[in-house]
Amino acid sequence: MFTSTPPSLVTPKEYSTFRQTCQAVGFPPPVLTWNRLALPMPVDKTEIIDGSLTIKNLGAADGGVYECEATNSMGTKTAKMNVAVQKLPQLKGVLLTS
């Protein structure tokens, strides 16, 4: 059913925008959703469109296990992804801007 699954582990950098796609085919066409295991999705910075998950301005609290779920009348399949946010080093007296 899945044609593109998320990797089991991703390590995006803190403050970055993270994007991951999940795709599936089937008959009838499956509905794709993203969930975060044991925790709610990050508030006000998460977007899910056509199976693609986007989290803006990542913070350490946004790490955890996320799950892509493909569901149709024939059943449900899931793919898990562990997001380990890389904390950026703190530099004393230096303001980092992008």
N, C-alpha and C. Protein backbone atom coordinates (compact mmCIF):
# COMPACT_ATOMS: atom_id res chain seq x y z
N MET A 1 0.81 -1.19 0.00
CA MET A 1 0.00 0.00 0.00
C MET A 1 0.86 1.26 0.00
N PHE A 2 1.93 1.32 0.84
CA PHE A 2 2.79 2.51 0.88
C PHE A 2 3.68 2.54 -0.36
N THR A 3 3.81 3.73 -0.96
CA THR A 3 4.76 3.91 -2.05
C THR A 3 5.94 4.76 -1.59
N SER A 4 5.75 5.50 -0.50
CA SER A 4 6.82 6.29 0.09
C SER A 4 6.58 6.35 1.60
N THR A 5 7.51 5.79 2.37
CA THR A 5 7.37 5.80 3.82
C THR A 5 8.46 6.67 4.44
N PRO A 6 8.17 7.23 5.60
CA PRO A 6 9.20 8.03 6.27
C PRO A 6 10.32 7.13 6.78
N PRO A 7 11.54 7.67 6.88
CA PRO A 7 12.64 6.88 7.46
C PRO A 7 12.34 6.61 8.94
N SER A 8 12.95 5.57 9.49
CA SER A 8 12.68 5.23 10.89
C SER A 8 13.27 6.25 11.86
N LEU A 9 14.33 6.97 11.44
CA LEU A 9 14.95 7.99 12.29
C LEU A 9 15.33 9.19 11.44
N VAL A 10 14.96 10.38 11.90
CA VAL A 10 15.39 11.63 11.27
C VAL A 10 15.98 12.52 12.35
N THR A 11 16.95 13.36 11.97
CA THR A 11 17.63 14.21 12.95
C THR A 11 17.69 15.66 12.45
N PRO A 12 16.54 16.32 12.34
CA PRO A 12 16.54 17.71 11.88
C PRO A 12 17.14 18.65 12.93
N LYS A 13 17.62 19.79 12.47
CA LYS A 13 18.23 20.77 13.38
C LYS A 13 17.15 21.64 14.06
N GLU A 14 17.48 22.03 15.28
CA GLU A 14 16.63 22.94 16.04
C GLU A 14 16.38 24.22 15.25
N TYR A 15 15.19 24.78 15.33
CA TYR A 15 14.76 26.01 14.67
C TYR A 15 14.54 25.87 13.17
N SER A 16 14.77 24.69 12.61
CA SER A 16 14.56 24.49 11.18
C SER A 16 13.09 24.18 10.89
N THR A 17 12.76 24.15 9.60
CA THR A 17 11.45 23.68 9.16
C THR A 17 11.63 22.26 8.66
N PHE A 18 10.88 21.35 9.25
CA PHE A 18 11.01 19.93 8.93
C PHE A 18 9.84 19.50 8.04
N ARG A 19 10.15 18.77 6.96
CA ARG A 19 9.12 18.24 6.07
C ARG A 19 9.37 16.76 5.82
N GLN A 20 8.29 15.99 5.85
CA GLN A 20 8.38 14.56 5.53
C GLN A 20 7.12 14.15 4.78
N THR A 21 7.30 13.37 3.71
CA THR A 21 6.17 12.92 2.90
C THR A 21 5.90 11.45 3.14
N CYS A 22 4.63 11.12 3.12
CA CYS A 22 4.19 9.73 3.21
C CYS A 22 3.18 9.55 2.08
N GLN A 23 3.35 8.51 1.26
CA GLN A 23 2.44 8.29 0.14
C GLN A 23 2.01 6.83 0.12
N ALA A 24 0.76 6.61 -0.31
CA ALA A 24 0.24 5.25 -0.40
C ALA A 24 -0.76 5.18 -1.54
N VAL A 25 -0.88 3.98 -2.12
CA VAL A 25 -1.88 3.74 -3.16
C VAL A 25 -2.72 2.55 -2.76
N GLY A 26 -3.90 2.47 -3.31
CA GLY A 26 -4.78 1.35 -3.02
C GLY A 26 -6.14 1.61 -3.63
N PHE A 27 -7.00 0.61 -3.54
CA PHE A 27 -8.37 0.78 -4.00
C PHE A 27 -9.31 0.29 -2.91
N PRO A 28 -10.17 1.14 -2.43
CA PRO A 28 -10.26 2.58 -2.75
C PRO A 28 -9.03 3.33 -2.27
N PRO A 29 -8.78 4.52 -2.86
CA PRO A 29 -7.58 5.29 -2.46
C PRO A 29 -7.55 5.53 -0.96
N PRO A 30 -6.40 5.29 -0.33
CA PRO A 30 -6.31 5.47 1.13
C PRO A 30 -6.27 6.94 1.54
N VAL A 31 -6.74 7.20 2.74
CA VAL A 31 -6.65 8.52 3.36
C VAL A 31 -5.40 8.50 4.23
N LEU A 32 -4.53 9.50 4.07
CA LEU A 32 -3.28 9.58 4.83
C LEU A 32 -3.41 10.58 5.97
N THR A 33 -2.99 10.18 7.16
CA THR A 33 -2.98 11.07 8.32
C THR A 33 -1.66 10.90 9.06
N TRP A 34 -1.28 11.91 9.80
CA TRP A 34 -0.10 11.86 10.66
C TRP A 34 -0.55 12.00 12.10
N ASN A 35 0.05 11.24 13.00
CA ASN A 35 -0.21 11.31 14.43
C ASN A 35 1.13 11.35 15.16
N ARG A 36 1.09 11.84 16.37
CA ARG A 36 2.27 11.80 17.23
C ARG A 36 1.95 10.89 18.39
N LEU A 37 2.75 9.86 18.57
CA LEU A 37 2.47 8.88 19.61
C LEU A 37 2.70 9.45 20.99
N ALA A 38 1.74 9.28 21.86
CA ALA A 38 1.80 9.66 23.28
C ALA A 38 1.72 11.16 23.53
N LEU A 39 1.80 11.99 22.49
CA LEU A 39 1.76 13.44 22.67
C LEU A 39 0.95 14.08 21.55
N PRO A 40 0.37 15.27 21.81
CA PRO A 40 -0.32 15.97 20.72
C PRO A 40 0.69 16.53 19.71
N MET A 41 0.22 16.80 18.51
CA MET A 41 1.07 17.42 17.50
C MET A 41 1.47 18.81 17.99
N PRO A 42 2.66 19.32 17.57
CA PRO A 42 3.06 20.67 17.96
C PRO A 42 2.00 21.69 17.53
N VAL A 43 1.58 22.53 18.47
CA VAL A 43 0.50 23.48 18.24
C VAL A 43 0.98 24.69 17.45
N ASP A 44 0.15 25.17 16.53
CA ASP A 44 0.38 26.39 15.75
C ASP A 44 1.61 26.37 14.84
N LYS A 45 2.22 25.22 14.63
CA LYS A 45 3.35 25.19 13.70
C LYS A 45 3.39 23.90 12.89
N THR A 46 2.30 23.13 12.95
CA THR A 46 2.22 21.87 12.21
C THR A 46 1.22 22.00 11.07
N GLU A 47 1.61 21.48 9.89
CA GLU A 47 0.72 21.50 8.73
C GLU A 47 0.78 20.13 8.08
N ILE A 48 -0.39 19.59 7.73
CA ILE A 48 -0.45 18.29 7.05
C ILE A 48 -1.28 18.48 5.79
N ILE A 49 -0.64 18.30 4.63
CA ILE A 49 -1.32 18.45 3.35
C ILE A 49 -0.94 17.27 2.45
N ASP A 50 -1.94 16.54 1.96
CA ASP A 50 -1.72 15.42 1.03
C ASP A 50 -0.65 14.44 1.51
N GLY A 51 -0.65 14.11 2.78
CA GLY A 51 0.30 13.14 3.30
C GLY A 51 1.65 13.71 3.67
N SER A 52 1.85 15.02 3.46
CA SER A 52 3.12 15.65 3.82
C SER A 52 2.97 16.36 5.17
N LEU A 53 3.89 16.08 6.06
CA LEU A 53 3.93 16.68 7.39
C LEU A 53 4.98 17.78 7.38
N THR A 54 4.61 18.98 7.85
CA THR A 54 5.55 20.09 7.99
C THR A 54 5.46 20.62 9.41
N ILE A 55 6.61 20.77 10.07
CA ILE A 55 6.68 21.37 11.40
C ILE A 55 7.66 22.52 11.31
N LYS A 56 7.18 23.73 11.61
CA LYS A 56 8.03 24.93 11.51
C LYS A 56 8.68 25.22 12.85
N ASN A 57 9.86 25.85 12.79
CA ASN A 57 10.60 26.30 13.97
C ASN A 57 10.72 25.19 15.01
N LEU A 58 11.34 24.10 14.61
CA LEU A 58 11.49 22.93 15.48
C LEU A 58 12.17 23.25 16.79
N GLY A 59 11.65 22.68 17.84
CA GLY A 59 12.27 22.78 19.15
C GLY A 59 12.47 21.38 19.72
N ALA A 60 13.24 21.27 20.77
CA ALA A 60 13.51 19.96 21.38
C ALA A 60 12.22 19.26 21.79
N ALA A 61 11.22 20.03 22.22
CA ALA A 61 9.94 19.44 22.66
C ALA A 61 9.15 18.83 21.50
N ASP A 62 9.54 19.12 20.25
CA ASP A 62 8.83 18.58 19.09
C ASP A 62 9.33 17.20 18.70
N GLY A 63 10.39 16.73 19.34
CA GLY A 63 10.91 15.39 19.06
C GLY A 63 9.94 14.33 19.54
N GLY A 64 10.14 13.12 19.05
CA GLY A 64 9.30 12.01 19.47
C GLY A 64 8.97 11.10 18.29
N VAL A 65 8.05 10.20 18.50
CA VAL A 65 7.67 9.25 17.46
C VAL A 65 6.41 9.74 16.77
N TYR A 66 6.51 9.88 15.46
CA TYR A 66 5.39 10.28 14.61
C TYR A 66 5.00 9.08 13.76
N GLU A 67 3.73 9.02 13.39
CA GLU A 67 3.24 7.86 12.66
C GLU A 67 2.39 8.32 11.48
N CYS A 68 2.71 7.80 10.30
CA CYS A 68 1.89 8.03 9.12
C CYS A 68 0.92 6.85 9.03
N GLU A 69 -0.35 7.15 8.82
CA GLU A 69 -1.37 6.12 8.77
C GLU A 69 -2.12 6.22 7.45
N ALA A 70 -2.19 5.10 6.73
CA ALA A 70 -2.95 5.01 5.48
C ALA A 70 -4.15 4.10 5.73
N THR A 71 -5.35 4.63 5.50
CA THR A 71 -6.57 3.89 5.81
C THR A 71 -7.54 3.90 4.64
N ASN A 72 -8.08 2.73 4.32
CA ASN A 72 -9.21 2.62 3.40
C ASN A 72 -10.10 1.49 3.89
N SER A 73 -11.12 1.13 3.12
CA SER A 73 -12.07 0.12 3.58
C SER A 73 -11.43 -1.26 3.71
N MET A 74 -10.25 -1.45 3.15
CA MET A 74 -9.56 -2.74 3.24
C MET A 74 -8.70 -2.85 4.49
N GLY A 75 -8.49 -1.73 5.18
CA GLY A 75 -7.70 -1.78 6.41
C GLY A 75 -6.84 -0.55 6.61
N THR A 76 -5.91 -0.66 7.56
CA THR A 76 -5.02 0.43 7.94
C THR A 76 -3.59 -0.08 8.00
N LYS A 77 -2.68 0.70 7.46
CA LYS A 77 -1.24 0.43 7.56
C LYS A 77 -0.58 1.65 8.18
N THR A 78 0.46 1.41 8.98
CA THR A 78 1.16 2.52 9.62
C THR A 78 2.66 2.43 9.39
N ALA A 79 3.31 3.58 9.41
CA ALA A 79 4.77 3.67 9.32
C ALA A 79 5.23 4.67 10.38
N LYS A 80 6.17 4.26 11.22
CA LYS A 80 6.63 5.11 12.32
C LYS A 80 7.96 5.79 11.98
N MET A 81 8.14 6.99 12.54
CA MET A 81 9.36 7.76 12.33
C MET A 81 9.72 8.43 13.66
N ASN A 82 10.97 8.24 14.09
CA ASN A 82 11.45 8.87 15.31
C ASN A 82 12.15 10.18 14.93
N VAL A 83 11.67 11.29 15.48
CA VAL A 83 12.25 12.61 15.21
C VAL A 83 13.13 12.98 16.41
N ALA A 84 14.44 13.06 16.18
CA ALA A 84 15.40 13.45 17.22
C ALA A 84 15.96 14.81 16.82
N VAL A 85 15.46 15.86 17.45
CA VAL A 85 15.86 17.24 17.11
C VAL A 85 17.27 17.51 17.62
N GLN A 86 18.15 17.96 16.70
CA GLN A 86 19.53 18.30 17.08
C GLN A 86 19.57 19.70 17.65
N LYS A 87 19.99 19.81 18.90
CA LYS A 87 20.08 21.12 19.56
C LYS A 87 21.30 21.86 19.03
N LEU A 88 21.11 23.13 18.70
CA LEU A 88 22.23 23.94 18.22
C LEU A 88 23.06 24.40 19.40
N PRO A 89 24.37 24.51 19.22
CA PRO A 89 25.23 24.96 20.33
C PRO A 89 24.92 26.41 20.71
N GLN A 90 25.00 26.69 21.99
CA GLN A 90 24.79 28.06 22.48
C GLN A 90 26.13 28.78 22.50
N LEU A 91 26.17 29.94 21.88
CA LEU A 91 27.40 30.74 21.86
C LEU A 91 27.18 31.96 22.76
N LYS A 92 28.04 32.14 23.73
CA LYS A 92 27.89 33.26 24.67
C LYS A 92 28.23 34.58 23.96
N GLY A 93 27.34 35.55 24.15
CA GLY A 93 27.59 36.88 23.62
C GLY A 93 27.41 37.02 22.12
N VAL A 94 26.93 35.98 21.45
CA VAL A 94 26.76 36.04 20.00
C VAL A 94 25.29 35.79 19.67
N LEU A 95 24.71 36.69 18.90
CA LEU A 95 23.34 36.52 18.46
C LEU A 95 23.38 35.93 17.06
N LEU A 96 22.81 34.75 16.91
CA LEU A 96 22.80 34.09 15.61
C LEU A 96 21.51 34.46 14.89
N THR A 97 21.62 34.94 13.67
CA THR A 97 20.46 35.25 12.86
C THR A 97 20.59 34.56 11.52
N SER A 98 19.46 34.30 10.92
CA SER A 98 19.51 33.62 9.61
C SER A 98 19.15 34.56 8.50
